[in-house]
Protein backbone atom coordinates (compact mmCIF):
# COMPACT_ATOMS: atom_id res chain seq x y z
CA MET A 1 10.04 8.58 -37.13
CA GLN A 2 8.75 11.64 -35.26
CA ASN A 3 5.51 9.79 -34.35
CA ARG A 4 7.58 6.90 -33.00
CA LYS A 5 9.54 9.28 -30.72
CA ILE A 6 6.33 10.86 -29.46
CA LEU A 7 4.79 7.44 -28.76
CA LEU A 8 7.97 6.32 -26.99
CA GLY A 9 7.97 9.51 -24.88
CA ILE A 10 4.33 9.09 -23.87
CA THR A 11 4.92 5.43 -22.97
CA ALA A 12 7.97 6.35 -20.86
CA PHE A 13 5.94 9.06 -19.07
CA PHE A 14 3.19 6.63 -18.09
CA ILE A 15 5.68 3.98 -16.95
CA CYS A 16 7.48 6.54 -14.76
CA PHE A 17 4.17 7.89 -13.44
CA SER A 18 2.96 4.43 -12.42
CA VAL A 19 6.26 3.59 -10.67
CA ILE A 20 6.38 6.95 -8.84
CA GLY A 21 2.98 6.26 -7.28
CA GLN A 22 4.10 2.92 -5.88
CA LYS A 23 5.28 2.33 -2.34
CA ARG A 24 7.19 -0.91 -1.81
CA PHE A 25 7.84 -2.72 1.47
CA TYR A 26 10.12 -5.71 2.06
CA THR A 27 11.63 -8.02 4.69
CA LYS A 28 13.94 -11.04 4.79
CA THR A 29 13.33 -11.68 8.48
CA GLY A 30 9.62 -12.37 8.64
CA TYR A 31 8.16 -15.01 10.93
CA VAL A 32 5.95 -17.97 10.13
CA ASP A 33 4.99 -20.92 12.28
CA PHE A 34 2.74 -23.89 12.02
CA PHE A 35 0.97 -25.76 14.74
CA SER A 36 -0.54 -29.23 14.67
CA ASN A 37 -2.73 -30.19 17.62
CA THR A 38 -3.89 -33.76 18.24
CA PRO A 39 -4.81 -35.67 21.41
CA LEU A 40 -1.55 -37.63 21.01
CA GLU A 41 0.90 -34.82 20.34
CA ASP A 42 1.34 -31.12 19.59
CA ILE A 43 3.82 -30.20 16.89
CA LYS A 44 5.08 -26.65 16.43
CA ALA A 45 7.76 -25.31 14.11
CA THR A 46 8.96 -21.75 13.61
CA ASN A 47 10.84 -19.99 10.83
CA ASN A 48 12.41 -16.50 11.05
CA GLN A 49 13.78 -16.44 7.52
CA VAL A 50 10.70 -15.45 5.58
CA ALA A 51 11.06 -13.07 2.66
CA ALA A 52 8.00 -10.93 2.00
CA TYR A 53 7.27 -8.11 -0.43
CA VAL A 54 4.20 -5.88 -0.80
CA VAL A 55 3.49 -3.05 -3.24
CA PHE A 56 0.93 -0.29 -2.75
CA PRO A 57 -1.49 0.79 -4.09
CA GLU A 58 -1.73 -2.42 -6.16
CA GLY A 59 -1.62 -4.72 -3.13
CA GLU A 60 0.77 -7.16 -4.79
CA LEU A 61 1.93 -9.56 -2.09
CA ASN A 62 4.66 -12.24 -2.25
CA PHE A 63 6.14 -14.55 0.37
CA ALA A 64 8.93 -17.12 0.15
CA VAL A 65 9.80 -19.54 2.95
CA LEU A 66 12.84 -21.80 2.96
CA ILE A 67 11.50 -25.13 4.23
CA LYS A 68 14.76 -26.24 5.88
CA SER A 69 14.67 -23.11 8.06
CA PHE A 70 11.76 -24.43 10.14
CA GLN A 71 12.94 -25.18 13.68
CA PHE A 72 11.32 -27.87 15.79
CA GLU A 73 11.62 -28.64 19.49
CA LYS A 74 12.73 -32.20 18.66
CA ALA A 75 15.52 -32.81 16.13
CA LEU A 76 13.89 -36.06 14.96
CA MET A 77 10.68 -34.20 14.06
CA GLN A 78 12.71 -31.71 12.03
CA GLU A 79 14.51 -34.54 10.21
CA HIS A 80 11.25 -36.36 9.37
CA PHE A 81 9.62 -33.10 8.30
CA ASN A 82 12.41 -32.31 5.83
CA GLU A 83 13.20 -35.81 4.57
CA ASN A 84 9.91 -37.70 4.67
CA TYR A 85 7.06 -35.20 4.51
CA LEU A 86 8.06 -31.93 2.83
CA GLU A 87 10.99 -33.46 0.92
CA SER A 88 12.83 -30.16 1.23
CA ASP A 89 15.74 -31.16 -1.01
CA GLU A 90 13.30 -31.57 -3.91
CA PHE A 91 10.89 -28.79 -2.84
CA PRO A 92 13.08 -26.25 -0.99
CA ARG A 93 10.55 -23.39 -0.77
CA ALA A 94 6.96 -22.63 -0.05
CA THR A 95 5.65 -19.51 -1.77
CA PHE A 96 2.60 -17.31 -1.81
CA LYS A 97 1.83 -14.96 -4.69
CA GLY A 98 -1.28 -12.93 -4.30
CA LYS A 99 -2.99 -9.69 -3.61
CA ILE A 100 -4.41 -7.63 -0.78
CA LEU A 101 -7.95 -6.93 -1.94
CA GLN A 102 -8.89 -3.26 -2.02
CA ALA A 103 -5.31 -2.26 -1.16
CA ASP A 104 -5.84 0.95 -3.11
CA LYS A 105 -8.00 2.14 -0.19
CA ILE A 106 -5.05 1.81 2.25
CA ASP A 107 -2.81 4.85 2.65
CA SER A 108 0.62 3.28 3.27
CA ALA A 109 1.85 6.61 4.68
CA LYS A 110 -0.92 7.06 7.27
CA VAL A 111 -0.68 5.35 10.68
CA ALA A 112 -3.67 3.02 11.02
CA ASP A 113 -4.73 -0.60 11.49
CA HIS A 114 -6.62 -2.34 8.71
CA THR A 115 -8.43 -5.65 8.48
CA VAL A 116 -7.63 -6.98 5.02
CA ASN A 117 -8.68 -9.80 2.74
CA VAL A 118 -5.89 -11.61 0.95
CA GLU A 119 -6.10 -14.11 -1.88
CA GLY A 120 -3.62 -15.84 -4.10
CA GLU A 121 -1.72 -19.00 -4.88
CA LEU A 122 0.05 -20.93 -2.14
CA THR A 123 2.65 -23.44 -3.34
CA ILE A 124 3.87 -26.12 -0.94
CA HIS A 125 5.60 -29.38 -1.86
CA GLY A 126 5.32 -28.48 -5.55
CA VAL A 127 1.53 -28.18 -5.41
CA THR A 128 -0.25 -24.86 -5.93
CA ARG A 129 -3.67 -24.09 -4.47
CA PHE A 130 -5.81 -20.96 -4.35
CA VAL A 131 -6.21 -19.62 -0.81
CA LYS A 132 -8.16 -16.77 0.70
CA THR A 133 -7.78 -15.45 4.23
CA ASP A 134 -8.22 -12.41 6.43
CA GLY A 135 -5.33 -10.58 8.00
CA LYS A 136 -4.31 -7.42 9.76
CA LEU A 137 -2.15 -4.71 8.28
CA SER A 138 -0.78 -2.11 10.69
CA VAL A 139 0.79 0.94 9.11
CA ARG A 140 3.22 2.26 11.72
CA ASN A 141 4.68 5.11 9.71
CA ASP A 142 5.76 5.85 6.16
CA LYS A 143 8.63 3.39 6.54
CA LYS A 144 7.12 0.36 8.32
CA ILE A 145 4.12 -1.98 8.04
CA ILE A 146 3.29 -4.99 10.22
CA ALA A 147 1.25 -7.74 8.56
CA THR A 148 -0.28 -10.73 10.35
CA ALA A 149 -2.50 -13.55 9.18
CA GLY A 150 -3.48 -17.09 10.01
CA PHE A 151 -5.00 -19.89 7.98
CA SER A 152 -5.28 -23.68 7.90
CA VAL A 153 -3.51 -26.06 5.54
CA LYS A 154 -4.47 -29.67 4.90
CA PRO A 155 -1.30 -31.69 4.22
CA GLU A 156 -3.11 -33.98 1.75
CA ASP A 157 -4.13 -30.93 -0.35
CA TYR A 158 -0.41 -30.45 -1.05
CA GLU A 159 0.30 -34.15 -1.66
CA ILE A 160 2.20 -34.44 1.61
CA ASN A 161 2.02 -38.14 2.41
CA ILE A 162 1.79 -39.01 6.08
CA PRO A 163 2.24 -42.71 6.88
CA ASP A 164 -0.64 -44.46 8.64
CA ALA A 165 1.66 -45.27 11.59
CA VAL A 166 1.85 -41.54 12.52
CA ARG A 167 -1.34 -40.26 10.88
CA ASN A 168 -3.03 -39.68 14.26
CA ASN A 169 -0.04 -37.64 15.51
CA ILE A 170 -0.53 -34.93 12.88
CA ALA A 171 -3.65 -32.77 12.66
CA ARG A 172 -5.81 -32.92 9.53
CA ASP A 173 -5.71 -29.10 9.51
CA VAL A 174 -2.40 -27.47 10.39
CA LEU A 175 -2.62 -23.86 11.57
CA VAL A 176 -0.17 -21.50 9.86
CA THR A 177 0.54 -18.07 11.39
CA ILE A 178 2.41 -15.25 9.66
CA ASP A 179 3.87 -12.13 11.28
CA VAL A 180 6.11 -9.85 9.23
CA THR A 181 7.45 -6.36 9.71
CA LEU A 182 8.08 -4.83 6.31
CA GLU A 183 10.18 -1.73 5.71
CA ALA A 184 9.89 0.72 2.86
CA PHE A 185 12.52 0.68 0.14
CA ASP A 186 13.04 2.34 -3.23
């Protein structure tokens, strides 16, 4: 019984120690856009309702994007995007769960800009793929971090079916840009 109490106490100490060393940052108002460029038409959509979470020193990184929150210049594009391509009633979110590589070398309390490598699983339209990209992490102070990144997505990689009639209106590689300002929380 005494050994069990000692083991429980040691376990609790290490759990508390590991949590104390963590610094967590979060936002619900991040920004993501995508841009499709073809000779026939440019398509751009923006979304300001991106939830993002990062933990230091581990570098754990999570994003969630509500698909219906993308705003298009043309209402018909937005309707087709949600109903025909992304099927947002069936697949309401896109998510990213990954890691900032070598995040343990970033001091989240020291003002500095860092070029970072990020990798993880991107899920769109119910399909999950491994992605790897570079980004920029700007530590502004102990309470705020700005993270930016850009990468390309191929709609067919995520089983997004684009009818032949409009295939030439949508780029084979769609550029996705992320810009989030995360604030520290406990």
